[in-house]
Amino acid sequence: MFFVPDRIVLGMAALRILSSSIEFSAAMLMLYFNRVETAFKINCLLALVGPTVLITTTGLGLAGLAGKVPPASLAVILLGITLVFIGVNRL
């Protein structure tokens, strides 16, 4: 189907596939239980999955770029990621 020679890309894609499988399973559980309280509990558990996958996938991407991107550019990327997290926490 796809030929992915880069292990970093494969790892990032695998994490996203795992994340989407968890999200889909949670949606099916919400429909199965058909109760607002249970759906809310499941949704709260999903709040842990999203940021964890984001941080892990970003870390893999940065690890893959570490040898290919000049240090100044890598610093700008890290600054951008930091600003995203600061902006999200201020909401």
N, C-alpha and C. Protein backbone atom coordinates (compact mmCIF):
# COMPACT_ATOMS: atom_id res chain seq x y z
N MET A 1 0.83 -1.18 0.00
CA MET A 1 0.00 0.00 0.00
C MET A 1 0.88 1.24 0.00
N PHE A 2 1.61 1.48 1.08
CA PHE A 2 2.53 2.61 1.16
C PHE A 2 3.91 2.07 1.47
N PHE A 3 4.91 2.68 0.89
CA PHE A 3 6.28 2.35 1.24
C PHE A 3 6.85 3.52 2.02
N VAL A 4 7.17 3.28 3.28
CA VAL A 4 7.67 4.34 4.16
C VAL A 4 9.09 3.97 4.59
N PRO A 5 10.08 4.55 3.93
CA PRO A 5 11.46 4.19 4.28
C PRO A 5 11.94 4.82 5.59
N ASP A 6 11.30 5.88 6.04
CA ASP A 6 11.75 6.59 7.22
C ASP A 6 11.01 6.07 8.45
N ARG A 7 11.76 5.59 9.43
CA ARG A 7 11.16 5.02 10.63
C ARG A 7 10.46 6.08 11.48
N ILE A 8 10.95 7.30 11.43
CA ILE A 8 10.30 8.39 12.18
C ILE A 8 8.90 8.64 11.63
N VAL A 9 8.79 8.70 10.32
CA VAL A 9 7.48 8.92 9.68
C VAL A 9 6.55 7.77 10.01
N LEU A 10 7.07 6.55 9.97
CA LEU A 10 6.26 5.38 10.29
C LEU A 10 5.77 5.45 11.74
N GLY A 11 6.63 5.84 12.66
CA GLY A 11 6.24 5.97 14.06
C GLY A 11 5.19 7.04 14.26
N MET A 12 5.36 8.18 13.60
CA MET A 12 4.38 9.27 13.72
C MET A 12 3.02 8.83 13.17
N ALA A 13 3.03 8.16 12.03
CA ALA A 13 1.78 7.69 11.44
C ALA A 13 1.12 6.63 12.31
N ALA A 14 1.93 5.74 12.88
CA ALA A 14 1.38 4.69 13.74
C ALA A 14 0.72 5.29 14.99
N LEU A 15 1.34 6.32 15.55
CA LEU A 15 0.74 6.98 16.71
C LEU A 15 -0.60 7.62 16.35
N ARG A 16 -0.67 8.24 15.19
CA ARG A 16 -1.92 8.87 14.76
C ARG A 16 -3.00 7.83 14.46
N ILE A 17 -2.61 6.69 13.91
CA ILE A 17 -3.57 5.61 13.66
C ILE A 17 -4.08 5.07 14.99
N LEU A 18 -3.18 4.88 15.96
CA LEU A 18 -3.59 4.43 17.29
C LEU A 18 -4.55 5.43 17.94
N SER A 19 -4.21 6.71 17.83
CA SER A 19 -5.05 7.76 18.40
C SER A 19 -6.45 7.75 17.77
N SER A 20 -6.51 7.62 16.46
CA SER A 20 -7.81 7.63 15.79
C SER A 20 -8.62 6.38 16.16
N SER A 21 -7.95 5.26 16.36
CA SER A 21 -8.65 4.04 16.78
C SER A 21 -9.24 4.21 18.17
N ILE A 22 -8.48 4.84 19.07
CA ILE A 22 -8.99 5.10 20.42
C ILE A 22 -10.18 6.04 20.37
N GLU A 23 -10.08 7.10 19.57
CA GLU A 23 -11.18 8.06 19.44
C GLU A 23 -12.44 7.40 18.88
N PHE A 24 -12.27 6.58 17.86
CA PHE A 24 -13.42 5.90 17.25
C PHE A 24 -14.05 4.93 18.23
N SER A 25 -13.22 4.19 18.95
CA SER A 25 -13.74 3.25 19.95
C SER A 25 -14.52 4.00 21.03
N ALA A 26 -14.01 5.13 21.45
CA ALA A 26 -14.69 5.93 22.47
C ALA A 26 -16.05 6.41 21.95
N ALA A 27 -16.10 6.83 20.70
CA ALA A 27 -17.38 7.27 20.12
C ALA A 27 -18.38 6.12 20.08
N MET A 28 -17.92 4.93 19.73
CA MET A 28 -18.81 3.77 19.70
C MET A 28 -19.30 3.41 21.10
N LEU A 29 -18.43 3.54 22.10
CA LEU A 29 -18.83 3.28 23.48
C LEU A 29 -19.87 4.30 23.95
N MET A 30 -19.69 5.55 23.55
CA MET A 30 -20.68 6.57 23.91
C MET A 30 -22.05 6.22 23.34
N LEU A 31 -22.06 5.78 22.09
CA LEU A 31 -23.33 5.40 21.47
C LEU A 31 -23.90 4.13 22.11
N TYR A 32 -23.05 3.21 22.47
CA TYR A 32 -23.50 1.96 23.07
C TYR A 32 -24.17 2.21 24.43
N PHE A 33 -23.51 3.00 25.29
CA PHE A 33 -24.06 3.24 26.62
C PHE A 33 -25.23 4.22 26.60
N ASN A 34 -25.23 5.15 25.66
CA ASN A 34 -26.36 6.06 25.44
C ASN A 34 -26.79 6.80 26.70
N ARG A 35 -25.81 7.21 27.49
CA ARG A 35 -26.08 8.00 28.70
C ARG A 35 -25.10 9.16 28.73
N VAL A 36 -25.60 10.33 29.05
CA VAL A 36 -24.78 11.54 29.05
C VAL A 36 -23.65 11.41 30.07
N GLU A 37 -23.95 10.87 31.24
CA GLU A 37 -22.93 10.75 32.29
C GLU A 37 -21.77 9.87 31.84
N THR A 38 -22.10 8.74 31.24
CA THR A 38 -21.06 7.82 30.77
C THR A 38 -20.28 8.43 29.61
N ALA A 39 -20.98 9.09 28.70
CA ALA A 39 -20.30 9.74 27.56
C ALA A 39 -19.35 10.82 28.06
N PHE A 40 -19.77 11.54 29.09
CA PHE A 40 -18.91 12.59 29.66
C PHE A 40 -17.65 11.98 30.28
N LYS A 41 -17.78 10.86 30.97
CA LYS A 41 -16.62 10.19 31.56
C LYS A 41 -15.66 9.70 30.48
N ILE A 42 -16.21 9.13 29.43
CA ILE A 42 -15.38 8.66 28.32
C ILE A 42 -14.67 9.85 27.67
N ASN A 43 -15.37 10.95 27.50
CA ASN A 43 -14.77 12.14 26.91
C ASN A 43 -13.64 12.68 27.77
N CYS A 44 -13.80 12.61 29.07
CA CYS A 44 -12.74 13.07 29.97
C CYS A 44 -11.49 12.21 29.84
N LEU A 45 -11.69 10.92 29.65
CA LEU A 45 -10.53 10.04 29.44
C LEU A 45 -9.82 10.38 28.12
N LEU A 46 -10.59 10.77 27.12
CA LEU A 46 -10.00 11.14 25.83
C LEU A 46 -9.16 12.41 25.95
N ALA A 47 -9.48 13.24 26.92
CA ALA A 47 -8.71 14.47 27.11
C ALA A 47 -7.26 14.17 27.48
N LEU A 48 -7.00 12.99 27.97
CA LEU A 48 -5.63 12.58 28.28
C LEU A 48 -4.90 12.06 27.04
N VAL A 49 -5.64 11.45 26.13
CA VAL A 49 -5.03 10.82 24.96
C VAL A 49 -4.52 11.85 23.97
N GLY A 50 -5.33 12.86 23.67
CA GLY A 50 -4.98 13.85 22.64
C GLY A 50 -3.65 14.55 22.87
N PRO A 51 -3.47 15.19 24.02
CA PRO A 51 -2.20 15.88 24.26
C PRO A 51 -1.00 14.94 24.32
N THR A 52 -1.21 13.74 24.84
CA THR A 52 -0.11 12.77 24.90
C THR A 52 0.36 12.39 23.50
N VAL A 53 -0.59 12.14 22.61
CA VAL A 53 -0.23 11.80 21.23
C VAL A 53 0.42 12.99 20.54
N LEU A 54 -0.11 14.20 20.77
CA LEU A 54 0.47 15.40 20.17
C LEU A 54 1.93 15.58 20.59
N ILE A 55 2.19 15.48 21.88
CA ILE A 55 3.55 15.69 22.38
C ILE A 55 4.48 14.60 21.88
N THR A 56 4.03 13.35 21.89
CA THR A 56 4.87 12.25 21.43
C THR A 56 5.16 12.35 19.94
N THR A 57 4.14 12.66 19.15
CA THR A 57 4.34 12.78 17.70
C THR A 57 5.26 13.96 17.38
N THR A 58 5.08 15.07 18.07
CA THR A 58 5.94 16.24 17.86
C THR A 58 7.37 15.92 18.26
N GLY A 59 7.53 15.20 19.35
CA GLY A 59 8.88 14.80 19.78
C GLY A 59 9.57 13.91 18.76
N LEU A 60 8.82 12.98 18.20
CA LEU A 60 9.39 12.12 17.14
C LEU A 60 9.79 12.96 15.93
N GLY A 61 8.93 13.89 15.55
CA GLY A 61 9.24 14.76 14.41
C GLY A 61 10.48 15.59 14.65
N LEU A 62 10.59 16.14 15.84
CA LEU A 62 11.78 16.93 16.16
C LEU A 62 13.03 16.08 16.20
N ALA A 63 12.89 14.86 16.69
CA ALA A 63 14.05 13.95 16.71
C ALA A 63 14.50 13.63 15.28
N GLY A 64 13.53 13.48 14.39
CA GLY A 64 13.87 13.21 12.99
C GLY A 64 14.49 14.41 12.29
N LEU A 65 14.12 15.61 12.72
CA LEU A 65 14.65 16.83 12.11
C LEU A 65 15.97 17.29 12.73
N ALA A 66 16.30 16.76 13.89
CA ALA A 66 17.44 17.27 14.66
C ALA A 66 18.74 17.32 13.85
N GLY A 67 19.02 16.33 13.06
CA GLY A 67 20.26 16.33 12.31
C GLY A 67 20.17 17.04 10.97
N LYS A 68 18.97 17.36 10.52
CA LYS A 68 18.78 17.92 9.19
C LYS A 68 18.53 19.42 9.19
N VAL A 69 18.13 19.96 10.32
CA VAL A 69 17.75 21.37 10.40
C VAL A 69 18.83 22.12 11.20
N PRO A 70 19.21 23.30 10.73
CA PRO A 70 20.19 24.08 11.49
C PRO A 70 19.69 24.39 12.91
N PRO A 71 20.58 24.51 13.86
CA PRO A 71 20.18 24.75 15.25
C PRO A 71 19.29 25.99 15.44
N ALA A 72 19.54 27.05 14.68
CA ALA A 72 18.71 28.25 14.81
C ALA A 72 17.27 27.96 14.38
N SER A 73 17.11 27.23 13.30
CA SER A 73 15.76 26.88 12.84
C SER A 73 15.07 25.95 13.83
N LEU A 74 15.82 25.02 14.40
CA LEU A 74 15.26 24.11 15.39
C LEU A 74 14.79 24.90 16.62
N ALA A 75 15.55 25.91 17.00
CA ALA A 75 15.16 26.76 18.13
C ALA A 75 13.86 27.51 17.83
N VAL A 76 13.70 27.98 16.60
CA VAL A 76 12.47 28.67 16.20
C VAL A 76 11.28 27.71 16.24
N ILE A 77 11.49 26.47 15.80
CA ILE A 77 10.43 25.45 15.85
C ILE A 77 10.02 25.18 17.30
N LEU A 78 10.99 25.00 18.17
CA LEU A 78 10.71 24.76 19.58
C LEU A 78 9.99 25.95 20.21
N LEU A 79 10.38 27.16 19.83
CA LEU A 79 9.71 28.36 20.33
C LEU A 79 8.25 28.38 19.87
N GLY A 80 8.02 28.02 18.62
CA GLY A 80 6.65 27.98 18.10
C GLY A 80 5.79 26.98 18.85
N ILE A 81 6.32 25.81 19.13
CA ILE A 81 5.58 24.80 19.88
C ILE A 81 5.28 25.30 21.29
N THR A 82 6.27 25.94 21.90
CA THR A 82 6.07 26.49 23.24
C THR A 82 4.97 27.55 23.23
N LEU A 83 4.97 28.42 22.23
CA LEU A 83 3.94 29.45 22.15
C LEU A 83 2.55 28.86 21.95
N VAL A 84 2.46 27.76 21.20
CA VAL A 84 1.17 27.10 21.03
C VAL A 84 0.65 26.62 22.38
N PHE A 85 1.52 25.98 23.16
CA PHE A 85 1.08 25.49 24.46
C PHE A 85 0.74 26.62 25.42
N ILE A 86 1.48 27.70 25.37
CA ILE A 86 1.16 28.86 26.22
C ILE A 86 -0.19 29.44 25.81
N GLY A 87 -0.42 29.57 24.51
CA GLY A 87 -1.68 30.12 24.04
C GLY A 87 -2.87 29.25 24.40
N VAL A 88 -2.71 27.95 24.34
CA VAL A 88 -3.80 27.04 24.67
C VAL A 88 -4.09 27.08 26.17
N ASN A 89 -3.08 27.22 26.98
CA ASN A 89 -3.27 27.26 28.43
C ASN A 89 -3.93 28.55 28.89
N ARG A 90 -3.88 29.59 28.10
CA ARG A 90 -4.47 30.88 28.49
C ARG A 90 -5.96 30.96 28.15
N LEU A 91 -6.50 29.97 27.48
CA LEU A 91 -7.92 30.00 27.10
C LEU A 91 -8.81 29.80 28.30
